[in-house]
C-alpha atoms as a PDB file:
ATOM      1  CA  MET A   1      41.420 -52.785 131.263  1.00  0.00           C
ATOM      2  CA  SER A   2      41.833 -52.654 135.253  1.00  0.00           C
ATOM      3  CA  ALA A   3      41.813 -49.534 137.294  1.00  0.00           C
ATOM      4  CA  VAL A   4      45.338 -48.135 137.352  1.00  0.00           C
ATOM      5  CA  LEU A   5      43.879 -45.030 139.609  1.00  0.00           C
ATOM      6  CA  GLU A   6      41.094 -44.820 141.846  1.00  0.00           C
ATOM      7  CA  VAL A   7      40.328 -41.849 143.936  1.00  0.00           C
ATOM      8  CA  SER A   8      37.575 -42.281 146.657  1.00  0.00           C
ATOM      9  CA  GLY A   9      36.203 -39.300 148.920  1.00  0.00           C
ATOM     10  CA  LEU A  10      38.983 -36.927 148.368  1.00  0.00           C
ATOM     11  CA  ARG A  11      38.707 -33.951 150.077  1.00  0.00           C
ATOM     12  CA  LYS A  12      40.803 -30.786 150.648  1.00  0.00           C
ATOM     13  CA  GLN A  13      39.847 -27.703 152.908  1.00  0.00           C
ATOM     14  CA  TYR A  14      41.805 -24.417 153.508  1.00  0.00           C
ATOM     15  CA  ALA A  15      41.265 -22.457 156.899  1.00  0.00           C
ATOM     16  CA  VAL A  16      40.466 -18.916 156.857  1.00  0.00           C
ATOM     17  CA  VAL A  17      42.279 -17.429 159.653  1.00  0.00           C
ATOM     18  CA  LYS A  18      41.458 -14.109 161.297  1.00  0.00           C
ATOM     19  CA  ARG A  19      44.587 -12.521 162.996  1.00  0.00           C
ATOM     20  CA  GLN A  20      43.925 -10.744 166.254  1.00  0.00           C
ATOM     21  CA  LEU A  21      46.631  -9.029 168.524  1.00  0.00           C
ATOM     22  CA  LEU A  22      47.528 -12.155 170.366  1.00  0.00           C
ATOM     23  CA  ARG A  23      45.970 -15.151 168.760  1.00  0.00           C
ATOM     24  CA  ARG A  24      44.810 -16.621 165.336  1.00  0.00           C
ATOM     25  CA  ARG A  25      41.253 -17.620 165.049  1.00  0.00           C
ATOM     26  CA  VAL A  26      39.910 -20.004 162.061  1.00  0.00           C
ATOM     27  CA  THR A  27      36.567 -18.375 161.036  1.00  0.00           C
ATOM     28  CA  CYS A  28      35.713 -20.652 158.249  1.00  0.00           C
ATOM     29  CA  ALA A  29      36.969 -23.016 155.451  1.00  0.00           C
ATOM     30  CA  VAL A  30      37.042 -23.079 151.852  1.00  0.00           C
ATOM     31  CA  HIS A  31      36.209 -26.339 150.534  1.00  0.00           C
ATOM     32  CA  ALA A  32      38.369 -26.494 147.617  1.00  0.00           C
ATOM     33  CA  VAL A  33      37.893 -30.646 146.842  1.00  0.00           C
ATOM     34  CA  ASP A  34      34.732 -31.955 148.242  1.00  0.00           C
ATOM     35  CA  ASP A  35      34.278 -35.673 148.062  1.00  0.00           C
ATOM     36  CA  VAL A  36      35.874 -36.179 144.711  1.00  0.00           C
ATOM     37  CA  SER A  37      35.774 -39.695 143.385  1.00  0.00           C
ATOM     38  CA  PHE A  38      36.483 -41.356 140.047  1.00  0.00           C
ATOM     39  CA  THR A  39      38.672 -44.052 138.377  1.00  0.00           C
ATOM     40  CA  VAL A  40      41.159 -44.141 135.369  1.00  0.00           C
ATOM     41  CA  ARG A  41      41.981 -47.338 134.140  1.00  0.00           C
ATOM     42  CA  GLY A  42      44.958 -48.412 131.715  1.00  0.00           C
ATOM     43  CA  GLY A  43      45.744 -46.529 128.333  1.00  0.00           C
ATOM     44  CA  GLU A  44      42.673 -44.334 129.114  1.00  0.00           C
ATOM     45  CA  THR A  45      42.533 -40.645 129.763  1.00  0.00           C
ATOM     46  CA  LEU A  46      40.274 -38.832 132.241  1.00  0.00           C
ATOM     47  CA  GLY A  47      39.584 -35.196 131.302  1.00  0.00           C
ATOM     48  CA  LEU A  48      38.888 -32.839 134.195  1.00  0.00           C
ATOM     49  CA  VAL A  49      37.000 -29.618 133.150  1.00  0.00           C
ATOM     50  CA  GLY A  50      35.252 -26.416 134.906  1.00  0.00           C
ATOM     51  CA  GLU A  51      35.894 -23.015 135.652  1.00  0.00           C
ATOM     52  CA  SER A  52      39.078 -21.425 137.057  1.00  0.00           C
ATOM     53  CA  GLY A  53      38.989 -21.966 140.977  1.00  0.00           C
ATOM     54  CA  CYS A  54      36.837 -24.820 140.956  1.00  0.00           C
ATOM     55  CA  GLY A  55      39.388 -27.385 142.385  1.00  0.00           C
ATOM     56  CA  LYS A  56      41.079 -29.207 139.210  1.00  0.00           C
ATOM     57  CA  THR A  57      44.664 -28.519 140.178  1.00  0.00           C
ATOM     58  CA  THR A  58      44.177 -29.115 143.717  1.00  0.00           C
ATOM     59  CA  THR A  59      42.505 -32.539 142.863  1.00  0.00           C
ATOM     60  CA  ALA A  60      45.579 -33.475 140.821  1.00  0.00           C
ATOM     61  CA  ARG A  61      48.481 -31.926 143.607  1.00  0.00           C
ATOM     62  CA  ALA A  62      46.289 -34.054 146.365  1.00  0.00           C
ATOM     63  CA  ILE A  63      46.626 -37.078 144.640  1.00  0.00           C
ATOM     64  CA  LEU A  64      50.430 -37.132 144.466  1.00  0.00           C
ATOM     65  CA  ASN A  65      50.403 -35.001 148.132  1.00  0.00           C
ATOM     66  CA  LEU A  66      51.765 -32.084 146.930  1.00  0.00           C
ATOM     67  CA  VAL A  67      48.963 -30.453 148.913  1.00  0.00           C
ATOM     68  CA  ARG A  68      47.851 -32.501 152.141  1.00  0.00           C
ATOM     69  CA  ALA A  69      44.293 -33.980 151.268  1.00  0.00           C
ATOM     70  CA  ASP A  70      42.178 -33.683 154.489  1.00  0.00           C
ATOM     71  CA  GLY A  71      40.451 -37.243 153.689  1.00  0.00           C
ATOM     72  CA  GLY A  72      39.839 -39.797 151.383  1.00  0.00           C
ATOM     73  CA  GLU A  73      41.829 -42.505 149.385  1.00  0.00           C
ATOM     74  CA  VAL A  74      44.085 -42.804 146.605  1.00  0.00           C
ATOM     75  CA  ARG A  75      44.420 -46.038 145.327  1.00  0.00           C
ATOM     76  CA  LEU A  76      47.099 -47.323 142.946  1.00  0.00           C
ATOM     77  CA  ASP A  77      46.278 -50.787 141.736  1.00  0.00           C
ATOM     78  CA  GLY A  78      44.311 -51.219 144.904  1.00  0.00           C
ATOM     79  CA  GLN A  79      46.597 -49.952 147.527  1.00  0.00           C
ATOM     80  CA  ASP A  80      45.926 -46.566 149.099  1.00  0.00           C
ATOM     81  CA  VAL A  81      48.924 -44.578 148.646  1.00  0.00           C
ATOM     82  CA  ARG A  82      48.447 -41.438 150.728  1.00  0.00           C
ATOM     83  CA  PRO A  83      49.763 -43.201 153.697  1.00  0.00           C
ATOM     84  CA  VAL A  84      52.663 -44.000 151.614  1.00  0.00           C
ATOM     85  CA  LEU A  85      53.225 -40.526 150.126  1.00  0.00           C
ATOM     86  CA  ALA A  86      52.742 -38.775 153.618  1.00  0.00           C
ATOM     87  CA  GLY A  87      54.999 -41.354 155.560  1.00  0.00           C
ATOM     88  CA  ALA A  88      58.838 -41.199 156.728  1.00  0.00           C
ATOM     89  CA  ASP A  89      59.568 -44.139 154.187  1.00  0.00           C
ATOM     90  CA  ARG A  90      61.505 -42.627 151.493  1.00  0.00           C
ATOM     91  CA  ALA A  91      62.069 -45.653 149.593  1.00  0.00           C
ATOM     92  CA  ALA A  92      58.368 -46.626 149.494  1.00  0.00           C
ATOM     93  CA  MET A  93      57.629 -43.083 148.755  1.00  0.00           C
ATOM     94  CA  LEU A  94      59.806 -42.826 145.718  1.00  0.00           C
ATOM     95  CA  ALA A  95      58.570 -46.025 144.420  1.00  0.00           C
ATOM     96  CA  VAL A  96      55.160 -44.790 144.366  1.00  0.00           C
ATOM     97  CA  ARG A  97      56.266 -41.395 142.799  1.00  0.00           C
ATOM     98  CA  ARG A  98      58.164 -43.520 140.092  1.00  0.00           C
ATOM     99  CA  ARG A  99      54.602 -44.846 139.090  1.00  0.00           C
ATOM    100  CA  ILE A 100      52.948 -41.662 138.923  1.00  0.00           C
ATOM    101  CA  GLN A 101      54.573 -38.432 137.312  1.00  0.00           C
ATOM    102  CA  TYR A 102      53.317 -34.682 136.770  1.00  0.00           C
ATOM    103  CA  VAL A 103      53.395 -32.334 134.074  1.00  0.00           C
ATOM    104  CA  PHE A 104      53.059 -28.880 135.102  1.00  0.00           C
ATOM    105  CA  GLN A 105      50.956 -26.003 133.349  1.00  0.00           C
ATOM    106  CA  ASP A 106      53.948 -23.761 132.897  1.00  0.00           C
ATOM    107  CA  PRO A 107      57.113 -25.455 131.672  1.00  0.00           C
ATOM    108  CA  TYR A 108      59.570 -22.655 131.903  1.00  0.00           C
ATOM    109  CA  LEU A 109      58.655 -22.522 135.787  1.00  0.00           C
ATOM    110  CA  SER A 110      58.811 -26.032 136.276  1.00  0.00           C
ATOM    111  CA  LEU A 111      62.437 -26.069 135.050  1.00  0.00           C
ATOM    112  CA  ASN A 112      65.421 -25.116 136.816  1.00  0.00           C
ATOM    113  CA  PRO A 113      66.765 -21.844 135.006  1.00  0.00           C
ATOM    114  CA  ARG A 114      70.291 -22.807 136.104  1.00  0.00           C
ATOM    115  CA  TRP A 115      70.320 -26.592 134.719  1.00  0.00           C
ATOM    116  CA  THR A 116      70.843 -27.533 130.848  1.00  0.00           C
ATOM    117  CA  VAL A 117      68.086 -29.295 129.469  1.00  0.00           C
ATOM    118  CA  THR A 118      70.510 -32.594 129.958  1.00  0.00           C
ATOM    119  CA  GLU A 119      71.127 -31.931 133.726  1.00  0.00           C
ATOM    120  CA  ALA A 120      67.158 -31.581 134.245  1.00  0.00           C
ATOM    121  CA  MET A 121      66.304 -34.772 132.538  1.00  0.00           C
ATOM    122  CA  ARG A 122      69.418 -36.536 134.584  1.00  0.00           C
ATOM    123  CA  GLU A 123      67.756 -35.614 137.636  1.00  0.00           C
ATOM    124  CA  PRO A 124      64.796 -38.074 137.669  1.00  0.00           C
ATOM    125  CA  LEU A 125      67.011 -40.843 136.567  1.00  0.00           C
ATOM    126  CA  ARG A 126      69.464 -40.058 139.241  1.00  0.00           C
ATOM    127  CA  VAL A 127      66.680 -40.311 141.824  1.00  0.00           C
ATOM    128  CA  HIS A 128      64.801 -43.256 140.734  1.00  0.00           C
ATOM    129  CA  SER A 129      67.033 -45.195 138.353  1.00  0.00           C
ATOM    130  CA  PRO A 130      70.803 -45.121 139.731  1.00  0.00           C
ATOM    131  CA  GLY A 131      73.364 -46.303 137.591  1.00  0.00           C
ATOM    132  CA  GLN A 132      76.207 -45.111 135.342  1.00  0.00           C
ATOM    133  CA  GLU A 133      76.577 -41.440 134.253  1.00  0.00           C
ATOM    134  CA  ARG A 134      76.881 -42.758 130.549  1.00  0.00           C
ATOM    135  CA  GLU A 135      73.574 -44.556 130.849  1.00  0.00           C
ATOM    136  CA  TRP A 136      71.732 -41.434 132.124  1.00  0.00           C
ATOM    137  CA  ASN A 137      73.401 -39.405 128.857  1.00  0.00           C
ATOM    138  CA  ALA A 138      72.208 -42.229 126.561  1.00  0.00           C
ATOM    139  CA  ARG A 139      68.640 -42.345 128.065  1.00  0.00           C
ATOM    140  CA  VAL A 140      68.379 -38.540 127.734  1.00  0.00           C
ATOM    141  CA  ALA A 141      69.325 -38.403 124.185  1.00  0.00           C
ATOM    142  CA  GLU A 142      66.594 -41.181 123.681  1.00  0.00           C
ATOM    143  CA  LEU A 143      64.002 -39.253 125.519  1.00  0.00           C
ATOM    144  CA  LEU A 144      64.705 -35.990 123.767  1.00  0.00           C
ATOM    145  CA  SER A 145      64.498 -38.023 120.236  1.00  0.00           C
ATOM    146  CA  THR A 146      61.247 -39.441 121.623  1.00  0.00           C
ATOM    147  CA  VAL A 147      59.415 -35.977 121.887  1.00  0.00           C
ATOM    148  CA  GLY A 148      60.555 -34.614 118.918  1.00  0.00           C
ATOM    149  CA  LEU A 149      63.963 -32.780 119.977  1.00  0.00           C
ATOM    150  CA  ASP A 150      67.348 -32.772 118.740  1.00  0.00           C
ATOM    151  CA  PRO A 151      69.430 -34.685 121.534  1.00  0.00           C
ATOM    152  CA  ARG A 152      72.414 -32.226 120.615  1.00  0.00           C
ATOM    153  CA  HIS A 153      70.219 -29.538 122.150  1.00  0.00           C
ATOM    154  CA  GLY A 154      70.461 -31.071 125.559  1.00  0.00           C
ATOM    155  CA  SER A 155      73.461 -28.699 126.373  1.00  0.00           C
ATOM    156  CA  ARG A 156      71.160 -25.855 126.101  1.00  0.00           C
ATOM    157  CA  TYR A 157      68.942 -24.041 128.980  1.00  0.00           C
ATOM    158  CA  PRO A 158      65.386 -23.558 129.265  1.00  0.00           C
ATOM    159  CA  HIS A 159      65.276 -19.851 128.008  1.00  0.00           C
ATOM    160  CA  GLU A 160      66.825 -20.824 124.605  1.00  0.00           C
ATOM    161  CA  PHE A 161      63.888 -23.033 123.833  1.00  0.00           C
ATOM    162  CA  SER A 162      60.228 -22.040 122.745  1.00  0.00           C
ATOM    163  CA  GLY A 163      57.316 -22.650 124.826  1.00  0.00           C
ATOM    164  CA  GLY A 164      56.332 -25.705 123.019  1.00  0.00           C
ATOM    165  CA  GLN A 165      60.023 -26.823 123.017  1.00  0.00           C
ATOM    166  CA  ARG A 166      59.941 -26.639 126.976  1.00  0.00           C
ATOM    167  CA  GLN A 167      56.873 -28.539 127.114  1.00  0.00           C
ATOM    168  CA  ARG A 168      58.395 -31.196 125.393  1.00  0.00           C
ATOM    169  CA  VAL A 169      61.045 -31.199 127.595  1.00  0.00           C
ATOM    170  CA  GLY A 170      58.445 -31.436 130.594  1.00  0.00           C
ATOM    171  CA  ILE A 171      56.473 -34.660 129.004  1.00  0.00           C
ATOM    172  CA  ALA A 172      60.256 -36.075 128.249  1.00  0.00           C
ATOM    173  CA  ARG A 173      61.243 -35.506 131.953  1.00  0.00           C
ATOM    174  CA  ALA A 174      57.703 -37.095 133.267  1.00  0.00           C
ATOM    175  CA  ILE A 175      58.204 -40.251 131.205  1.00  0.00           C
ATOM    176  CA  ALA A 176      61.529 -40.845 131.893  1.00  0.00           C
ATOM    177  CA  VAL A 177      60.976 -43.183 134.811  1.00  0.00           C
ATOM    178  CA  GLN A 178      58.528 -45.135 132.687  1.00  0.00           C
ATOM    179  CA  PRO A 179      55.394 -44.203 134.699  1.00  0.00           C
ATOM    180  CA  GLU A 180      51.969 -45.808 134.476  1.00  0.00           C
ATOM    181  CA  PHE A 181      50.062 -42.694 135.315  1.00  0.00           C
ATOM    182  CA  ILE A 182      50.892 -38.949 134.404  1.00  0.00           C
ATOM    183  CA  LEU A 183      48.822 -35.972 135.754  1.00  0.00           C
ATOM    184  CA  LEU A 184      48.649 -33.020 132.831  1.00  0.00           C
ATOM    185  CA  ASP A 185      47.913 -30.076 134.521  1.00  0.00           C
ATOM    186  CA  GLU A 186      46.887 -27.889 131.652  1.00  0.00           C
ATOM    187  CA  PRO A 187      49.736 -28.551 129.430  1.00  0.00           C
ATOM    188  CA  VAL A 188      48.866 -27.006 126.477  1.00  0.00           C
ATOM    189  CA  SER A 189      46.943 -23.788 128.067  1.00  0.00           C
ATOM    190  CA  SER A 190      50.292 -21.310 127.591  1.00  0.00           C
ATOM    191  CA  LEU A 191      50.839 -22.329 124.008  1.00  0.00           C
ATOM    192  CA  ASP A 192      49.902 -20.900 120.556  1.00  0.00           C
ATOM    193  CA  ILE A 193      47.180 -22.951 118.890  1.00  0.00           C
ATOM    194  CA  SER A 194      49.269 -24.699 116.323  1.00  0.00           C
ATOM    195  CA  VAL A 195      51.535 -25.920 118.890  1.00  0.00           C
ATOM    196  CA  ARG A 196      48.596 -27.173 121.117  1.00  0.00           C
ATOM    197  CA  ALA A 197      47.874 -29.413 118.528  1.00  0.00           C
ATOM    198  CA  GLN A 198      51.603 -30.838 118.129  1.00  0.00           C
ATOM    199  CA  ILE A 199      51.643 -31.446 121.672  1.00  0.00           C
ATOM    200  CA  LEU A 200      48.313 -33.021 121.914  1.00  0.00           C
ATOM    201  CA  ASN A 201      49.475 -35.271 119.429  1.00  0.00           C
ATOM    202  CA  LEU A 202      52.622 -36.266 120.951  1.00  0.00           C
ATOM    203  CA  LEU A 203      50.683 -37.103 124.267  1.00  0.00           C
ATOM    204  CA  ALA A 204      48.219 -39.292 122.113  1.00  0.00           C
ATOM    205  CA  ALA A 205      51.139 -41.067 120.458  1.00  0.00           C
ATOM    206  CA  LEU A 206      53.201 -41.472 123.760  1.00  0.00           C
ATOM    207  CA  GLN A 207      49.994 -43.053 125.292  1.00  0.00           C
ATOM    208  CA  ASP A 208      49.568 -45.596 122.513  1.00  0.00           C
ATOM    209  CA  ARG A 209      53.098 -46.504 122.360  1.00  0.00           C
ATOM    210  CA  LEU A 210      53.841 -46.701 126.294  1.00  0.00           C
ATOM    211  CA  GLY A 211      49.890 -47.560 127.470  1.00  0.00           C
ATOM    212  CA  MET A 212      50.163 -44.998 130.153  1.00  0.00           C
ATOM    213  CA  ALA A 213      47.012 -43.703 131.810  1.00  0.00           C
ATOM    214  CA  TYR A 214      46.415 -39.740 131.899  1.00  0.00           C
ATOM    215  CA  LEU A 215      44.322 -37.165 134.250  1.00  0.00           C
ATOM    216  CA  TYR A 216      44.146 -34.234 131.321  1.00  0.00           C
ATOM    217  CA  ILE A 217      42.960 -30.938 133.184  1.00  0.00           C
ATOM    218  CA  SER A 218      42.092 -28.077 130.731  1.00  0.00           C
ATOM    219  CA  HIS A 219      39.625 -25.331 130.155  1.00  0.00           C
ATOM    220  CA  ASP A 220      39.558 -26.116 126.689  1.00  0.00           C
ATOM    221  CA  LEU A 221      36.899 -28.430 125.970  1.00  0.00           C
ATOM    222  CA  SER A 222      38.062 -29.177 122.383  1.00  0.00           C
ATOM    223  CA  SER A 223      41.258 -30.802 123.436  1.00  0.00           C
ATOM    224  CA  VAL A 224      39.634 -32.712 125.979  1.00  0.00           C
ATOM    225  CA  ARG A 225      37.308 -33.949 123.420  1.00  0.00           C
ATOM    226  CA  PHE A 226      40.289 -34.956 121.375  1.00  0.00           C
ATOM    227  CA  ILE A 227      42.443 -36.676 123.847  1.00  0.00           C
ATOM    228  CA  SER A 228      40.048 -38.231 126.537  1.00  0.00           C
ATOM    229  CA  THR A 229      38.345 -41.530 126.743  1.00  0.00           C
ATOM    230  CA  HIS A 230      36.208 -40.113 129.801  1.00  0.00           C
ATOM    231  CA  VAL A 231      35.490 -36.706 131.347  1.00  0.00           C
ATOM    232  CA  ALA A 232      34.173 -35.527 134.421  1.00  0.00           C
ATOM    233  CA  VAL A 233      33.126 -31.788 135.119  1.00  0.00           C
ATOM    234  CA  MET A 234      33.858 -29.951 138.178  1.00  0.00           C
ATOM    235  CA  TYR A 235      31.868 -27.162 139.763  1.00  0.00           C
ATOM    236  CA  LEU A 236      32.878 -25.454 143.331  1.00  0.00           C
ATOM    237  CA  GLY A 237      35.011 -28.696 144.490  1.00  0.00           C
ATOM    238  CA  ARG A 238      32.610 -31.230 143.325  1.00  0.00           C
ATOM    239  CA  ILE A 239      32.166 -33.260 140.311  1.00  0.00           C
ATOM    240  CA  VAL A 240      28.770 -32.686 138.916  1.00  0.00           C
ATOM    241  CA  GLU A 241      28.886 -34.805 135.746  1.00  0.00           C
ATOM    242  CA  MET A 242      30.748 -37.727 134.669  1.00  0.00           C
ATOM    243  CA  GLY A 243      31.184 -40.255 131.999  1.00  0.00           C
ATOM    244  CA  ALA A 244      32.273 -41.324 128.197  1.00  0.00           C
ATOM    245  CA  VAL A 245      33.058 -38.223 126.773  1.00  0.00           C
ATOM    246  CA  ASP A 246      31.212 -38.898 123.349  1.00  0.00           C
ATOM    247  CA  GLU A 247      28.079 -39.840 125.484  1.00  0.00           C
ATOM    248  CA  VAL A 248      28.578 -36.192 127.582  1.00  0.00           C
ATOM    249  CA  PHE A 249      29.682 -34.014 124.505  1.00  0.00           C
ATOM    250  CA  ALA A 250      26.655 -35.257 122.737  1.00  0.00           C
ATOM    251  CA  HIS A 251      23.863 -35.552 125.493  1.00  0.00           C
ATOM    252  CA  PRO A 252      25.119 -33.318 128.644  1.00  0.00           C
ATOM    253  CA  ARG A 253      22.440 -33.846 131.208  1.00  0.00           C
ATOM    254  CA  HIS A 254      23.955 -31.103 133.694  1.00  0.00           C
ATOM    255  CA  HIS A 255      23.009 -27.790 132.927  1.00  0.00           C
ATOM    256  CA  TYR A 256      26.410 -26.466 133.385  1.00  0.00           C
ATOM    257  CA  THR A 257      28.114 -29.246 131.245  1.00  0.00           C
ATOM    258  CA  ALA A 258      25.911 -27.936 128.589  1.00  0.00           C
ATOM    259  CA  ALA A 259      26.626 -24.362 129.048  1.00  0.00           C
ATOM    260  CA  LEU A 260      30.554 -25.303 129.027  1.00  0.00           C
ATOM    261  CA  ILE A 261      29.883 -27.297 125.581  1.00  0.00           C
ATOM    262  CA  SER A 262      27.798 -24.683 124.123  1.00  0.00           C
ATOM    263  CA  ALA A 263      30.652 -21.920 124.711  1.00  0.00           C
ATOM    264  CA  ILE A 264      32.909 -23.898 122.390  1.00  0.00           C
ATOM    265  CA  PRO A 265      33.831 -21.423 119.739  1.00  0.00           C
ATOM    266  CA  VAL A 266      32.344 -22.401 116.474  1.00  0.00           C
ATOM    267  CA  ALA A 267      34.532 -22.024 113.396  1.00  0.00           C
ATOM    268  CA  ARG A 268      31.858 -20.656 111.144  1.00  0.00           C
ATOM    269  CA  PRO A 269      31.747 -16.946 110.772  1.00  0.00           C
ATOM    270  CA  GLY A 270      28.148 -15.733 110.640  1.00  0.00           C
ATOM    271  CA  ALA A 271      26.675 -18.821 112.337  1.00  0.00           C
ATOM    272  CA  ALA A 272      23.984 -18.371 114.568  1.00  0.00           C
ATOM    273  CA  ASP A 273      24.686 -17.798 118.334  1.00  0.00           C
ATOM    274  CA  THR A 274      23.098 -20.644 120.017  1.00  0.00           C
ATOM    275  CA  ARG A 275      25.106 -20.573 123.369  1.00  0.00           C
ATOM    276  CA  THR A 276      23.926 -21.347 126.596  1.00  0.00           C
ATOM    277  CA  GLN A 277      24.219 -17.913 128.648  1.00  0.00           C
ATOM    278  CA  LEU A 278      25.037 -18.320 132.622  1.00  0.00           C
ATOM    279  CA  LYS A 279      23.333 -15.602 134.799  1.00  0.00           C
ATOM    280  CA  GLY A 280      25.508 -14.384 137.628  1.00  0.00           C
ATOM    281  CA  GLU A 281      28.767 -14.994 138.825  1.00  0.00           C
ATOM    282  CA  VAL A 282      30.413 -17.950 140.224  1.00  0.00           C
ATOM    283  CA  PRO A 283      29.489 -18.305 144.153  1.00  0.00           C
ATOM    284  CA  SER A 284      32.126 -17.511 146.695  1.00  0.00           C
ATOM    285  CA  ALA A 285      33.762 -20.909 147.939  1.00  0.00           C
ATOM    286  CA  LEU A 286      33.778 -19.134 151.322  1.00  0.00           C
ATOM    287  CA  ASN A 287      29.617 -19.185 151.340  1.00  0.00           C
ATOM    288  CA  ARG A 288      28.713 -22.076 149.202  1.00  0.00           C
ATOM    289  CA  PRO A 289      24.992 -21.936 148.173  1.00  0.00           C
ATOM    290  CA  THR A 290      22.797 -24.455 150.145  1.00  0.00           C
ATOM    291  CA  GLY A 291      21.505 -27.414 148.174  1.00  0.00           C
ATOM    292  CA  CYS A 292      22.867 -27.541 144.591  1.00  0.00           C
ATOM    293  CA  ALA A 293      25.634 -24.981 144.464  1.00  0.00           C
ATOM    294  CA  PHE A 294      24.943 -24.422 140.697  1.00  0.00           C
ATOM    295  CA  HIS A 295      21.076 -23.315 141.298  1.00  0.00           C
ATOM    296  CA  PRO A 296      21.525 -19.456 141.510  1.00  0.00           C
ATOM    297  CA  ARG A 297      22.787 -19.508 137.749  1.00  0.00           C
ATOM    298  CA  CYS A 298      20.509 -22.151 136.741  1.00  0.00           C
ATOM    299  CA  ALA A 299      17.717 -21.413 134.555  1.00  0.00           C
ATOM    300  CA  ALA A 300      16.121 -24.724 134.836  1.00  0.00           C
ATOM    301  CA  ALA A 301      16.359 -24.648 138.877  1.00  0.00           C
ATOM    302  CA  MET A 302      13.278 -26.111 141.125  1.00  0.00           C
ATOM    303  CA  PRO A 303      12.674 -25.406 144.589  1.00  0.00           C
ATOM    304  CA  VAL A 304      14.209 -28.820 145.782  1.00  0.00           C
ATOM    305  CA  CYS A 305      17.496 -27.428 144.017  1.00  0.00           C
ATOM    306  CA  ARG A 306      17.735 -24.712 147.153  1.00  0.00           C
ATOM    307  CA  SER A 307      17.627 -26.991 149.673  1.00  0.00           C
ATOM    308  CA  VAL A 308      18.515 -30.647 148.555  1.00  0.00           C
ATOM    309  CA  ASP A 309      22.139 -31.286 147.300  1.00  0.00           C
ATOM    310  CA  PRO A 310      21.865 -33.891 144.528  1.00  0.00           C
ATOM    311  CA  VAL A 311      24.157 -36.653 144.080  1.00  0.00           C
ATOM    312  CA  LEU A 312      25.755 -38.572 141.213  1.00  0.00           C
ATOM    313  CA  ALA A 313      23.317 -40.773 139.671  1.00  0.00           C
ATOM    314  CA  PRO A 314      23.153 -42.806 136.408  1.00  0.00           C
ATOM    315  CA  MET A 315      21.627 -40.619 133.885  1.00  0.00           C
ATOM    316  CA  GLY A 316      22.346 -42.972 130.582  1.00  0.00           C
ATOM    317  CA  PRO A 317      24.368 -46.020 129.873  1.00  0.00           C
ATOM    318  CA  HIS A 318      27.703 -44.166 130.615  1.00  0.00           C
ATOM    319  CA  SER A 319      27.394 -41.205 132.426  1.00  0.00           C
ATOM    320  CA  LEU A 320      26.593 -39.754 135.852  1.00  0.00           C
ATOM    321  CA  ALA A 321      24.975 -36.253 136.774  1.00  0.00           C
ATOM    322  CA  ALA A 322      24.095 -34.863 139.853  1.00  0.00           C
ATOM    323  CA  CYS A 323      20.945 -32.786 138.817  1.00  0.00           C
ATOM    324  CA  HIS A 324      17.409 -32.782 140.174  1.00  0.00           C
ATOM    325  CA  ASN A 325      16.146 -31.521 136.600  1.00  0.00           C
ATOM    326  CA  PRO A 326      18.513 -33.338 134.373  1.00  0.00           C
ATOM    327  CA  ILE A 327      18.255 -32.308 130.715  1.00  0.00           C
END
C-alpha cells in the first residue's frame, strides 16, 4: 500500500532557562526528538518503543502540532501538513485533524467529567461533521456498539465506567470522523492484563474493518509484537533500530533492542534467566554522550562508539540499525 504518513527529520528541543534578577538566560537545550524519520503505510501499524523519557509521546504530539516541532516534515499523502496545522486557516487545519486522530494514555483525563459520554462523542461530530442533532445521536449509538458498549449507557458520566470501558469510549471518539491514521499513546498501559487483551483485539478488528493506519506507542513489547507490522526503537530522542516486527524481534541488531526484548517476562516458572542486564542509568538528556548515546551502557562498545555517532543503515532485508558493532 502507499504511504499514509511520512515523518522526516522531526526535531523538538526544550530550552533550559536560568532565571536571574532582571532577565532569563538560556543555558542549554533538551533534544527531546532528534531527527526522527519513519513511514507508515495504509492498514499497517508502526510500534514505537523505548524507555520512559526517550521522546515517544513528544514525537506523537509533534505530528499533530500539540507541541510545536522545531524542524522536519510531516507528510500526509505526500503533503507537508505541519504548516497547515500551525497556520491560521482553521478550515484547512480541521481537514487535516479529521484525517489524523489521537487516543490518549489516560482515558479518564481525556474525557470531560462534566459531560456524558454522548456529549463527549457528539463534540467531534459537531466540529467536523455539521448536521442534524438526531444524526449525531444515531452515529454515537452506532459507535458505542462498534466498540462493544451498550448505546443506552451514553447518558452516563466517565466516572461511572471502568478503565477499559473509558478507553473504549476514547477509541470510539477517535474513529467518529473516520480518520485514516490514529496515534495510540500507550492505550493499554493503565489497564488490567485481561482488559489489555480485549482492547488490543478491538484495535486490531477496527483496523481490519476500517483500514486505518496506527502509530502504537508502548512500553509493553508483547503488545507491540501482537498489533504491529513494523517497529521502531527510540533511545534518547533518536531511532536506533527499525524494521519489520518479526525480523526485529527474531534478530535484533542493536544491543539496546536486544536488551529490551530479553526483558520481556517469560511465563515459565523456574526457567533460566538469560536476560541481558544493562549497566548504568539512562544518560541525562541535558548532557547527551558524544558518539553513540548508548555506548556508556553497552557491553559491546568499541572506541569508535565514543566519538562517532552511528547512522541508520540496512542490517538485513527488512531492518535498519544505528550501530558500529551490530549483533
